[in-house]
Amino acid sequence: MSLSPIIFFAFNRPNHTKESLTALSKNELAKQSDLFVFLDGPRNAEQASLIAQTKEVILSFKDNFNNLILTERKSNIGLAKNIISGITEIINAKEKAIILEDDVVVSSTFLNYMNDALNY
């Protein structure tokens, strides 16, 4: 089976991110999947601290996936631009992807289902 890369968008919610990545990493295909994370930058100093915490959470999952590639935005580019540029970059390189945000908690069979659907 050809596995689709996973694109994951995060911002300033370390607890949401941890919950989402924990659920995703429980999928049997997680260790074989490439995870591309796009972390938007802060709008202010208060958000900078939360984003730093979110980055720590993301990096703590590096051993749960085949590859974890983190793209950090130096400043806040906004939700729309972060999503559009992230999806465009990965789709242009890989032709297909599974796309998630930091507040989505998936089932343990999610990656099997999505890869089957995308391969079909």
N, C-alpha and C. Protein backbone atom coordinates (compact mmCIF):
# COMPACT_ATOMS: atom_id res chain seq x y z
N MET A 1 0.83 -1.17 0.00
CA MET A 1 0.00 0.00 0.00
C MET A 1 0.88 1.24 0.00
N SER A 2 0.53 2.17 -0.85
CA SER A 2 1.23 3.45 -0.89
C SER A 2 0.64 4.36 0.19
N LEU A 3 1.47 4.75 1.16
CA LEU A 3 0.98 5.57 2.26
C LEU A 3 1.05 7.05 1.92
N SER A 4 -0.02 7.73 2.21
CA SER A 4 -0.09 9.18 2.00
C SER A 4 0.60 9.89 3.16
N PRO A 5 1.28 10.97 2.87
CA PRO A 5 1.84 11.77 3.96
C PRO A 5 0.70 12.42 4.75
N ILE A 6 0.99 12.75 5.99
CA ILE A 6 0.02 13.42 6.84
C ILE A 6 0.48 14.86 7.01
N ILE A 7 -0.43 15.79 6.79
CA ILE A 7 -0.16 17.21 7.02
C ILE A 7 -0.93 17.60 8.26
N PHE A 8 -0.23 18.19 9.22
CA PHE A 8 -0.83 18.55 10.50
C PHE A 8 -0.57 20.02 10.77
N PHE A 9 -1.64 20.79 11.01
CA PHE A 9 -1.52 22.21 11.26
C PHE A 9 -1.72 22.49 12.75
N ALA A 10 -0.79 23.27 13.32
CA ALA A 10 -0.84 23.60 14.74
C ALA A 10 -0.59 25.08 14.93
N PHE A 11 -0.97 25.55 16.12
CA PHE A 11 -0.75 26.95 16.45
C PHE A 11 -0.32 27.08 17.90
N ASN A 12 -1.19 27.50 18.76
CA ASN A 12 -0.79 27.83 20.13
C ASN A 12 -1.56 27.02 21.17
N ARG A 13 -1.85 25.76 20.84
CA ARG A 13 -2.65 24.93 21.74
C ARG A 13 -1.91 23.62 22.05
N PRO A 14 -0.97 23.66 22.97
CA PRO A 14 -0.18 22.47 23.26
C PRO A 14 -1.01 21.28 23.73
N ASN A 15 -2.05 21.51 24.53
CA ASN A 15 -2.87 20.40 25.03
C ASN A 15 -3.68 19.75 23.91
N HIS A 16 -4.26 20.57 23.05
CA HIS A 16 -4.98 20.02 21.90
C HIS A 16 -4.03 19.23 20.99
N THR A 17 -2.88 19.81 20.75
CA THR A 17 -1.90 19.16 19.88
C THR A 17 -1.48 17.81 20.45
N LYS A 18 -1.23 17.77 21.74
CA LYS A 18 -0.83 16.51 22.37
C LYS A 18 -1.93 15.47 22.25
N GLU A 19 -3.16 15.86 22.49
CA GLU A 19 -4.28 14.92 22.38
C GLU A 19 -4.42 14.41 20.95
N SER A 20 -4.31 15.30 19.98
CA SER A 20 -4.43 14.90 18.57
C SER A 20 -3.30 13.97 18.14
N LEU A 21 -2.07 14.32 18.48
CA LEU A 21 -0.92 13.49 18.07
C LEU A 21 -0.88 12.17 18.82
N THR A 22 -1.36 12.15 20.05
CA THR A 22 -1.44 10.89 20.79
C THR A 22 -2.39 9.93 20.07
N ALA A 23 -3.56 10.42 19.71
CA ALA A 23 -4.53 9.58 19.00
C ALA A 23 -3.98 9.13 17.65
N LEU A 24 -3.38 10.05 16.92
CA LEU A 24 -2.82 9.70 15.60
C LEU A 24 -1.71 8.67 15.73
N SER A 25 -0.87 8.79 16.74
CA SER A 25 0.25 7.86 16.89
C SER A 25 -0.19 6.46 17.29
N LYS A 26 -1.44 6.29 17.72
CA LYS A 26 -1.96 4.97 18.07
C LYS A 26 -2.40 4.17 16.85
N ASN A 27 -2.35 4.77 15.69
CA ASN A 27 -2.67 4.07 14.45
C ASN A 27 -1.53 3.15 14.05
N GLU A 28 -1.86 1.96 13.57
CA GLU A 28 -0.81 1.01 13.23
C GLU A 28 0.08 1.49 12.08
N LEU A 29 -0.41 2.38 11.25
CA LEU A 29 0.40 2.89 10.14
C LEU A 29 1.20 4.14 10.49
N ALA A 30 1.09 4.62 11.72
CA ALA A 30 1.78 5.85 12.09
C ALA A 30 3.29 5.72 11.93
N LYS A 31 3.87 4.64 12.40
CA LYS A 31 5.33 4.48 12.34
C LYS A 31 5.86 4.40 10.91
N GLN A 32 4.98 4.12 9.96
CA GLN A 32 5.38 4.04 8.56
C GLN A 32 5.05 5.32 7.79
N SER A 33 4.40 6.26 8.46
CA SER A 33 3.90 7.46 7.79
C SER A 33 4.80 8.66 8.04
N ASP A 34 4.88 9.52 7.03
CA ASP A 34 5.59 10.78 7.17
C ASP A 34 4.60 11.84 7.65
N LEU A 35 5.00 12.58 8.68
CA LEU A 35 4.16 13.62 9.26
C LEU A 35 4.80 14.98 9.01
N PHE A 36 4.10 15.84 8.28
CA PHE A 36 4.56 17.19 7.99
C PHE A 36 3.74 18.14 8.86
N VAL A 37 4.40 18.81 9.78
CA VAL A 37 3.72 19.72 10.70
C VAL A 37 4.04 21.16 10.32
N PHE A 38 2.99 21.97 10.23
CA PHE A 38 3.14 23.40 9.95
C PHE A 38 2.66 24.14 11.19
N LEU A 39 3.60 24.77 11.88
CA LEU A 39 3.33 25.49 13.12
C LEU A 39 3.38 26.98 12.84
N ASP A 40 2.21 27.63 12.93
CA ASP A 40 2.16 29.07 12.65
C ASP A 40 2.85 29.83 13.77
N GLY A 41 3.35 31.01 13.45
CA GLY A 41 4.09 31.82 14.40
C GLY A 41 3.20 32.69 15.28
N PRO A 42 3.79 33.32 16.27
CA PRO A 42 3.02 34.11 17.24
C PRO A 42 2.61 35.48 16.70
N ARG A 43 1.48 35.96 17.24
CA ARG A 43 1.04 37.33 16.99
C ARG A 43 1.59 38.27 18.05
N ASN A 44 1.92 37.70 19.25
CA ASN A 44 2.39 38.52 20.36
C ASN A 44 3.23 37.65 21.31
N ALA A 45 3.78 38.25 22.35
CA ALA A 45 4.67 37.54 23.28
C ALA A 45 3.95 36.43 24.03
N GLU A 46 2.70 36.67 24.40
CA GLU A 46 1.94 35.64 25.12
C GLU A 46 1.79 34.38 24.26
N GLN A 47 1.52 34.55 23.00
CA GLN A 47 1.38 33.40 22.11
C GLN A 47 2.72 32.72 21.86
N ALA A 48 3.80 33.47 21.91
CA ALA A 48 5.13 32.88 21.68
C ALA A 48 5.41 31.76 22.69
N SER A 49 5.04 31.96 23.92
CA SER A 49 5.24 30.95 24.95
C SER A 49 4.40 29.70 24.67
N LEU A 50 3.15 29.89 24.30
CA LEU A 50 2.29 28.75 23.98
C LEU A 50 2.77 28.01 22.74
N ILE A 51 3.27 28.74 21.77
CA ILE A 51 3.79 28.11 20.55
C ILE A 51 5.06 27.33 20.87
N ALA A 52 5.91 27.85 21.73
CA ALA A 52 7.10 27.11 22.15
C ALA A 52 6.71 25.81 22.85
N GLN A 53 5.69 25.86 23.68
CA GLN A 53 5.20 24.64 24.34
C GLN A 53 4.63 23.66 23.31
N THR A 54 3.91 24.19 22.33
CA THR A 54 3.34 23.35 21.27
C THR A 54 4.45 22.68 20.48
N LYS A 55 5.51 23.41 20.20
CA LYS A 55 6.66 22.84 19.47
C LYS A 55 7.28 21.69 20.26
N GLU A 56 7.43 21.86 21.56
CA GLU A 56 7.96 20.78 22.41
C GLU A 56 7.09 19.54 22.32
N VAL A 57 5.78 19.74 22.37
CA VAL A 57 4.86 18.61 22.25
C VAL A 57 5.05 17.91 20.92
N ILE A 58 5.09 18.68 19.85
CA ILE A 58 5.25 18.10 18.50
C ILE A 58 6.53 17.28 18.43
N LEU A 59 7.63 17.85 18.86
CA LEU A 59 8.92 17.15 18.77
C LEU A 59 8.97 15.90 19.66
N SER A 60 8.15 15.86 20.69
CA SER A 60 8.13 14.66 21.55
C SER A 60 7.53 13.45 20.84
N PHE A 61 6.91 13.66 19.69
CA PHE A 61 6.31 12.57 18.92
C PHE A 61 7.18 12.12 17.75
N LYS A 62 8.42 12.61 17.65
CA LYS A 62 9.25 12.31 16.48
C LYS A 62 9.50 10.82 16.30
N ASP A 63 9.51 10.04 17.36
CA ASP A 63 9.76 8.60 17.25
C ASP A 63 8.49 7.81 16.95
N ASN A 64 7.35 8.48 16.87
CA ASN A 64 6.08 7.80 16.61
C ASN A 64 5.73 7.74 15.13
N PHE A 65 6.54 8.39 14.30
CA PHE A 65 6.27 8.43 12.86
C PHE A 65 7.55 8.10 12.09
N ASN A 66 7.39 7.73 10.83
CA ASN A 66 8.55 7.42 9.99
C ASN A 66 9.48 8.63 9.93
N ASN A 67 8.91 9.77 9.61
CA ASN A 67 9.62 11.05 9.60
C ASN A 67 8.66 12.10 10.14
N LEU A 68 9.18 13.00 10.93
CA LEU A 68 8.41 14.15 11.39
C LEU A 68 9.16 15.38 10.92
N ILE A 69 8.54 16.11 10.00
CA ILE A 69 9.16 17.29 9.42
C ILE A 69 8.38 18.51 9.90
N LEU A 70 9.02 19.36 10.67
CA LEU A 70 8.37 20.53 11.26
C LEU A 70 8.76 21.79 10.50
N THR A 71 7.75 22.51 10.04
CA THR A 71 7.95 23.83 9.44
C THR A 71 7.39 24.85 10.41
N GLU A 72 8.28 25.68 10.94
CA GLU A 72 7.89 26.72 11.89
C GLU A 72 7.84 28.06 11.18
N ARG A 73 6.72 28.74 11.32
CA ARG A 73 6.62 30.09 10.78
C ARG A 73 7.23 31.06 11.80
N LYS A 74 8.08 31.94 11.37
CA LYS A 74 8.75 32.88 12.28
C LYS A 74 7.78 33.89 12.86
N SER A 75 6.79 34.27 12.07
CA SER A 75 5.75 35.19 12.54
C SER A 75 4.41 34.60 12.13
N ASN A 76 3.36 35.20 12.59
CA ASN A 76 2.02 34.70 12.31
C ASN A 76 1.63 35.04 10.87
N ILE A 77 1.39 34.02 10.07
CA ILE A 77 0.95 34.26 8.70
C ILE A 77 -0.56 34.04 8.57
N GLY A 78 -1.19 33.57 9.62
CA GLY A 78 -2.64 33.38 9.61
C GLY A 78 -3.03 31.98 9.18
N LEU A 79 -4.19 31.57 9.65
CA LEU A 79 -4.68 30.23 9.40
C LEU A 79 -4.78 29.91 7.91
N ALA A 80 -5.44 30.78 7.17
CA ALA A 80 -5.66 30.50 5.75
C ALA A 80 -4.34 30.35 4.98
N LYS A 81 -3.44 31.29 5.16
CA LYS A 81 -2.17 31.25 4.43
C LYS A 81 -1.33 30.05 4.86
N ASN A 82 -1.33 29.73 6.16
CA ASN A 82 -0.58 28.57 6.64
C ASN A 82 -1.11 27.29 6.02
N ILE A 83 -2.42 27.15 5.99
CA ILE A 83 -3.02 25.94 5.43
C ILE A 83 -2.82 25.86 3.92
N ILE A 84 -3.10 26.94 3.23
CA ILE A 84 -2.96 26.93 1.77
C ILE A 84 -1.51 26.65 1.35
N SER A 85 -0.56 27.33 1.97
CA SER A 85 0.84 27.12 1.57
C SER A 85 1.33 25.73 1.97
N GLY A 86 0.93 25.24 3.14
CA GLY A 86 1.35 23.91 3.57
C GLY A 86 0.80 22.81 2.68
N ILE A 87 -0.49 22.88 2.38
CA ILE A 87 -1.10 21.87 1.51
C ILE A 87 -0.50 21.95 0.11
N THR A 88 -0.35 23.14 -0.41
CA THR A 88 0.22 23.30 -1.76
C THR A 88 1.61 22.69 -1.83
N GLU A 89 2.45 22.98 -0.85
CA GLU A 89 3.82 22.45 -0.84
C GLU A 89 3.84 20.92 -0.86
N ILE A 90 3.06 20.31 -0.01
CA ILE A 90 3.10 18.85 0.10
C ILE A 90 2.40 18.18 -1.07
N ILE A 91 1.26 18.69 -1.49
CA ILE A 91 0.56 18.09 -2.64
C ILE A 91 1.41 18.19 -3.90
N ASN A 92 2.10 19.31 -4.11
CA ASN A 92 2.97 19.44 -5.27
C ASN A 92 4.09 18.41 -5.25
N ALA A 93 4.58 18.08 -4.06
CA ALA A 93 5.68 17.11 -3.94
C ALA A 93 5.19 15.67 -3.89
N LYS A 94 4.04 15.42 -3.26
CA LYS A 94 3.61 14.04 -2.99
C LYS A 94 2.32 13.63 -3.70
N GLU A 95 1.59 14.57 -4.28
CA GLU A 95 0.36 14.36 -5.04
C GLU A 95 -0.89 14.05 -4.23
N LYS A 96 -0.74 13.63 -2.98
CA LYS A 96 -1.90 13.37 -2.14
C LYS A 96 -1.46 13.49 -0.69
N ALA A 97 -2.43 13.69 0.21
CA ALA A 97 -2.10 13.83 1.62
C ALA A 97 -3.35 13.67 2.48
N ILE A 98 -3.11 13.35 3.72
CA ILE A 98 -4.14 13.32 4.76
C ILE A 98 -3.93 14.60 5.57
N ILE A 99 -4.99 15.38 5.74
CA ILE A 99 -4.84 16.70 6.33
C ILE A 99 -5.61 16.78 7.65
N LEU A 100 -4.91 17.24 8.69
CA LEU A 100 -5.49 17.36 10.03
C LEU A 100 -5.11 18.69 10.67
N GLU A 101 -5.95 19.13 11.60
CA GLU A 101 -5.62 20.29 12.44
C GLU A 101 -5.45 19.82 13.87
N ASP A 102 -4.93 20.70 14.69
CA ASP A 102 -4.55 20.34 16.06
C ASP A 102 -5.70 20.06 17.01
N ASP A 103 -6.93 20.20 16.55
CA ASP A 103 -8.06 19.90 17.43
C ASP A 103 -8.86 18.68 16.96
N VAL A 104 -8.27 17.87 16.10
CA VAL A 104 -8.93 16.68 15.59
C VAL A 104 -8.35 15.45 16.28
N VAL A 105 -9.23 14.65 16.88
CA VAL A 105 -8.82 13.41 17.54
C VAL A 105 -9.38 12.27 16.70
N VAL A 106 -8.49 11.45 16.15
CA VAL A 106 -8.89 10.39 15.22
C VAL A 106 -8.97 9.04 15.93
N SER A 107 -9.63 8.10 15.26
CA SER A 107 -9.71 6.74 15.78
C SER A 107 -8.42 5.99 15.46
N SER A 108 -8.27 4.83 16.03
CA SER A 108 -7.06 4.02 15.82
C SER A 108 -7.01 3.38 14.43
N THR A 109 -8.11 3.46 13.68
CA THR A 109 -8.14 2.91 12.32
C THR A 109 -8.17 4.00 11.25
N PHE A 110 -8.02 5.24 11.67
CA PHE A 110 -8.12 6.38 10.76
C PHE A 110 -7.15 6.30 9.58
N LEU A 111 -5.88 6.04 9.86
CA LEU A 111 -4.89 6.02 8.77
C LEU A 111 -5.14 4.87 7.80
N ASN A 112 -5.57 3.73 8.28
CA ASN A 112 -5.92 2.64 7.36
C ASN A 112 -7.05 3.08 6.43
N TYR A 113 -8.10 3.63 7.01
CA TYR A 113 -9.25 4.07 6.22
C TYR A 113 -8.85 5.13 5.20
N MET A 114 -8.15 6.16 5.65
CA MET A 114 -7.81 7.26 4.75
C MET A 114 -6.86 6.82 3.63
N ASN A 115 -5.88 5.99 3.96
CA ASN A 115 -4.98 5.51 2.92
C ASN A 115 -5.71 4.61 1.92
N ASP A 116 -6.59 3.74 2.41
CA ASP A 116 -7.39 2.91 1.49
C ASP A 116 -8.22 3.79 0.57
N ALA A 117 -8.86 4.80 1.14
CA ALA A 117 -9.71 5.70 0.34
C ALA A 117 -8.89 6.47 -0.69
N LEU A 118 -7.75 7.00 -0.28
CA LEU A 118 -6.93 7.76 -1.23
C LEU A 118 -6.30 6.87 -2.30
N ASN A 119 -5.99 5.64 -1.96
CA ASN A 119 -5.44 4.72 -2.96
C ASN A 119 -6.52 4.23 -3.93
N TYR A 120 -7.76 4.19 -3.46
CA TYR A 120 -8.87 3.77 -4.31
C TYR A 120 -9.14 4.81 -5.38
